[in-house]
C-alpha atoms as a PDB file:
ATOM      1  CA  MET A   1     -14.147   9.446 -14.325  1.00  0.00           C
ATOM      2  CA  TYR A   2     -12.098   6.398 -14.225  1.00  0.00           C
ATOM      3  CA  SER A   3     -13.986   3.463 -12.517  1.00  0.00           C
ATOM      4  CA  LEU A   4     -12.248   0.382 -11.569  1.00  0.00           C
ATOM      5  CA  PHE A   5     -15.268  -1.449 -12.177  1.00  0.00           C
ATOM      6  CA  SER A   6     -14.853  -0.728 -16.172  1.00  0.00           C
ATOM      7  CA  LYS A   7     -11.473  -2.301 -16.300  1.00  0.00           C
ATOM      8  CA  VAL A   8     -13.170  -5.334 -14.518  1.00  0.00           C
ATOM      9  CA  HIS A   9     -15.525  -5.591 -16.895  1.00  0.00           C
ATOM     10  CA  LYS A  10     -12.995  -5.717 -19.644  1.00  0.00           C
ATOM     11  CA  GLU A  11     -11.183  -8.306 -18.120  1.00  0.00           C
ATOM     12  CA  ARG A  12     -13.773 -10.972 -17.364  1.00  0.00           C
ATOM     13  CA  GLU A  13     -12.444 -13.824 -19.653  1.00  0.00           C
ATOM     14  CA  TRP A  14      -9.148 -15.150 -19.655  1.00  0.00           C
ATOM     15  CA  LYS A  15      -6.374 -13.885 -22.143  1.00  0.00           C
ATOM     16  CA  GLY A  16      -3.378 -15.446 -21.381  1.00  0.00           C
ATOM     17  CA  PRO A  17      -1.123 -15.546 -18.499  1.00  0.00           C
ATOM     18  CA  PHE A  18      -0.536 -12.439 -15.960  1.00  0.00           C
ATOM     19  CA  TYR A  19       1.002 -11.859 -12.660  1.00  0.00           C
ATOM     20  CA  PHE A  20       0.260  -9.842  -9.685  1.00  0.00           C
ATOM     21  CA  ILE A  21       2.070  -8.368  -6.750  1.00  0.00           C
ATOM     22  CA  GLN A  22       1.355  -8.918  -3.057  1.00  0.00           C
ATOM     23  CA  GLY A  23       2.753  -6.896  -0.653  1.00  0.00           C
ATOM     24  CA  ALA A  24       2.169  -7.290   3.146  1.00  0.00           C
ATOM     25  CA  ASP A  25       2.374  -5.626   6.620  1.00  0.00           C
ATOM     26  CA  PRO A  26       3.986  -2.324   5.991  1.00  0.00           C
ATOM     27  CA  GLN A  27       2.889  -1.473   9.433  1.00  0.00           C
ATOM     28  CA  PHE A  28       3.323   2.279   9.264  1.00  0.00           C
ATOM     29  CA  GLY A  29       4.770   3.263  12.555  1.00  0.00           C
ATOM     30  CA  LEU A  30       6.506   0.064  14.007  1.00  0.00           C
ATOM     31  CA  MET A  31      10.498   0.907  12.873  1.00  0.00           C
ATOM     32  CA  LYS A  32      10.246   3.866  15.442  1.00  0.00           C
ATOM     33  CA  ALA A  33       8.600   1.693  17.768  1.00  0.00           C
ATOM     34  CA  TRP A  34      10.979  -0.952  17.661  1.00  0.00           C
ATOM     35  CA  SER A  35      14.177   1.686  17.451  1.00  0.00           C
ATOM     36  CA  MET A  36      12.719   3.204  20.463  1.00  0.00           C
ATOM     37  CA  GLY A  37      11.883   0.062  22.204  1.00  0.00           C
ATOM     38  CA  ASP A  38       8.288   1.237  23.110  1.00  0.00           C
ATOM     39  CA  CYS A  39       6.171  -1.000  20.757  1.00  0.00           C
ATOM     40  CA  ASP A  40       2.917  -0.199  22.411  1.00  0.00           C
ATOM     41  CA  SER A  41       3.092   3.413  22.036  1.00  0.00           C
ATOM     42  CA  GLY A  42       5.592   4.615  19.253  1.00  0.00           C
ATOM     43  CA  GLY A  43       3.698   4.447  15.963  1.00  0.00           C
ATOM     44  CA  ASP A  44       3.760   8.384  15.445  1.00  0.00           C
ATOM     45  CA  GLU A  45       6.092   8.559  12.673  1.00  0.00           C
ATOM     46  CA  TRP A  46       5.987   6.944   9.399  1.00  0.00           C
ATOM     47  CA  GLY A  47       9.130   8.301   7.462  1.00  0.00           C
ATOM     48  CA  GLN A  48      11.107   5.522   6.927  1.00  0.00           C
ATOM     49  CA  GLU A  49       8.125   3.238   5.926  1.00  0.00           C
ATOM     50  CA  ILE A  50       6.544   5.573   3.093  1.00  0.00           C
ATOM     51  CA  ARG A  51      10.003   5.501   1.801  1.00  0.00           C
ATOM     52  CA  LEU A  52      10.375   2.203   1.684  1.00  0.00           C
ATOM     53  CA  THR A  53       6.686   1.742   0.334  1.00  0.00           C
ATOM     54  CA  GLU A  54       7.546   4.516  -2.433  1.00  0.00           C
ATOM     55  CA  LEU A  55      10.574   2.510  -3.655  1.00  0.00           C
ATOM     56  CA  ALA A  56       8.674  -0.585  -3.915  1.00  0.00           C
ATOM     57  CA  VAL A  57       6.153   1.560  -6.220  1.00  0.00           C
ATOM     58  CA  GLN A  58       8.853   2.795  -8.331  1.00  0.00           C
ATOM     59  CA  ALA A  59      10.275  -1.077  -8.628  1.00  0.00           C
ATOM     60  CA  ILE A  60       6.860  -2.039  -9.429  1.00  0.00           C
ATOM     61  CA  ASN A  61       6.904   0.925 -12.203  1.00  0.00           C
ATOM     62  CA  LYS A  62       9.940  -0.079 -13.835  1.00  0.00           C
ATOM     63  CA  LEU A  63       8.399  -3.862 -14.437  1.00  0.00           C
ATOM     64  CA  ASP A  64       7.728  -4.497 -18.036  1.00  0.00           C
ATOM     65  CA  PRO A  65       5.077  -6.144 -18.571  1.00  0.00           C
ATOM     66  CA  LYS A  66       3.604  -4.967 -16.003  1.00  0.00           C
ATOM     67  CA  PRO A  67       1.688  -6.689 -13.317  1.00  0.00           C
ATOM     68  CA  LYS A  68      -2.307  -6.728 -13.759  1.00  0.00           C
ATOM     69  CA  PHE A  69      -2.825  -5.671 -10.029  1.00  0.00           C
ATOM     70  CA  PHE A  70      -0.920  -4.963  -6.702  1.00  0.00           C
ATOM     71  CA  VAL A  71      -2.369  -5.646  -3.457  1.00  0.00           C
ATOM     72  CA  LEU A  72      -1.132  -4.587  -0.280  1.00  0.00           C
ATOM     73  CA  CYS A  73      -2.321  -6.920   2.460  1.00  0.00           C
ATOM     74  CA  GLY A  74      -1.764  -7.366   6.539  1.00  0.00           C
ATOM     75  CA  ASP A  75      -1.148  -4.734   9.278  1.00  0.00           C
ATOM     76  CA  LEU A  76      -1.310  -1.263   7.395  1.00  0.00           C
ATOM     77  CA  ILE A  77      -0.738   0.851  10.155  1.00  0.00           C
ATOM     78  CA  HIS A  78       1.278  -0.017  13.742  1.00  0.00           C
ATOM     79  CA  ALA A  79      -0.445   2.459  15.851  1.00  0.00           C
ATOM     80  CA  MET A  80      -3.754   1.625  16.794  1.00  0.00           C
ATOM     81  CA  PRO A  81      -6.726   4.223  16.371  1.00  0.00           C
ATOM     82  CA  ASP A  82      -7.054   4.438  20.022  1.00  0.00           C
ATOM     83  CA  GLN A  83      -3.462   6.032  20.193  1.00  0.00           C
ATOM     84  CA  HIS A  84      -4.207   8.346  17.191  1.00  0.00           C
ATOM     85  CA  PRO A  85      -7.551   9.397  16.684  1.00  0.00           C
ATOM     86  CA  SER A  86      -7.516  12.325  14.221  1.00  0.00           C
ATOM     87  CA  SER A  87      -8.635  11.487  11.056  1.00  0.00           C
ATOM     88  CA  SER A  88      -5.906  13.199   9.524  1.00  0.00           C
ATOM     89  CA  TYR A  89      -3.194  10.571  10.986  1.00  0.00           C
ATOM     90  CA  GLY A  90      -2.879   8.056   8.307  1.00  0.00           C
ATOM     91  CA  PRO A  91      -1.310   7.236   5.191  1.00  0.00           C
ATOM     92  CA  LYS A  92      -1.508   9.297   2.139  1.00  0.00           C
ATOM     93  CA  LYS A  93      -2.282   6.318  -0.229  1.00  0.00           C
ATOM     94  CA  PRO A  94       1.464   5.686  -1.227  1.00  0.00           C
ATOM     95  CA  GLY A  95       1.001   2.745  -3.329  1.00  0.00           C
ATOM     96  CA  SER A  96      -1.380   5.405  -5.736  1.00  0.00           C
ATOM     97  CA  GLY A  97       1.993   6.273  -7.543  1.00  0.00           C
ATOM     98  CA  VAL A  98       2.099   2.586  -9.371  1.00  0.00           C
ATOM     99  CA  SER A  99       1.533   3.248 -12.827  1.00  0.00           C
ATOM    100  CA  SER A 100      -1.020   1.457 -15.395  1.00  0.00           C
ATOM    101  CA  ILE A 101      -2.410  -0.326 -12.620  1.00  0.00           C
ATOM    102  CA  ALA A 102      -6.062  -0.551 -11.357  1.00  0.00           C
ATOM    103  CA  ALA A 103      -5.676   0.676  -7.643  1.00  0.00           C
ATOM    104  CA  LYS A 104      -8.626   0.780  -5.655  1.00  0.00           C
ATOM    105  CA  TRP A 105      -8.023   2.072  -1.729  1.00  0.00           C
ATOM    106  CA  SER A 106     -10.793   1.215   1.018  1.00  0.00           C
ATOM    107  CA  GLU A 107     -10.794   3.442   3.552  1.00  0.00           C
END
């Protein structure tokens, strides 16, 4: 079983230059909300944002050398939990397709 911490342990000492990628504010659902003019309750479709995230993952996978890590920060979804209380409502780890980079998802 892969462990993020086993890789981190190997990276404890400086081994030279590296870079990482920071993505911010994918806000799944915001594009539909803006297009409808209903920013308070229109966050129920995430197709456009998921496609854009997948394009970003494809671009990251083409980089050589690979970044040490990819961090996604900020507003991950647009809709608030009380708007969509179902546990099945949520992104299905769209960044998990990034190859050769340690990935840790918090739920």
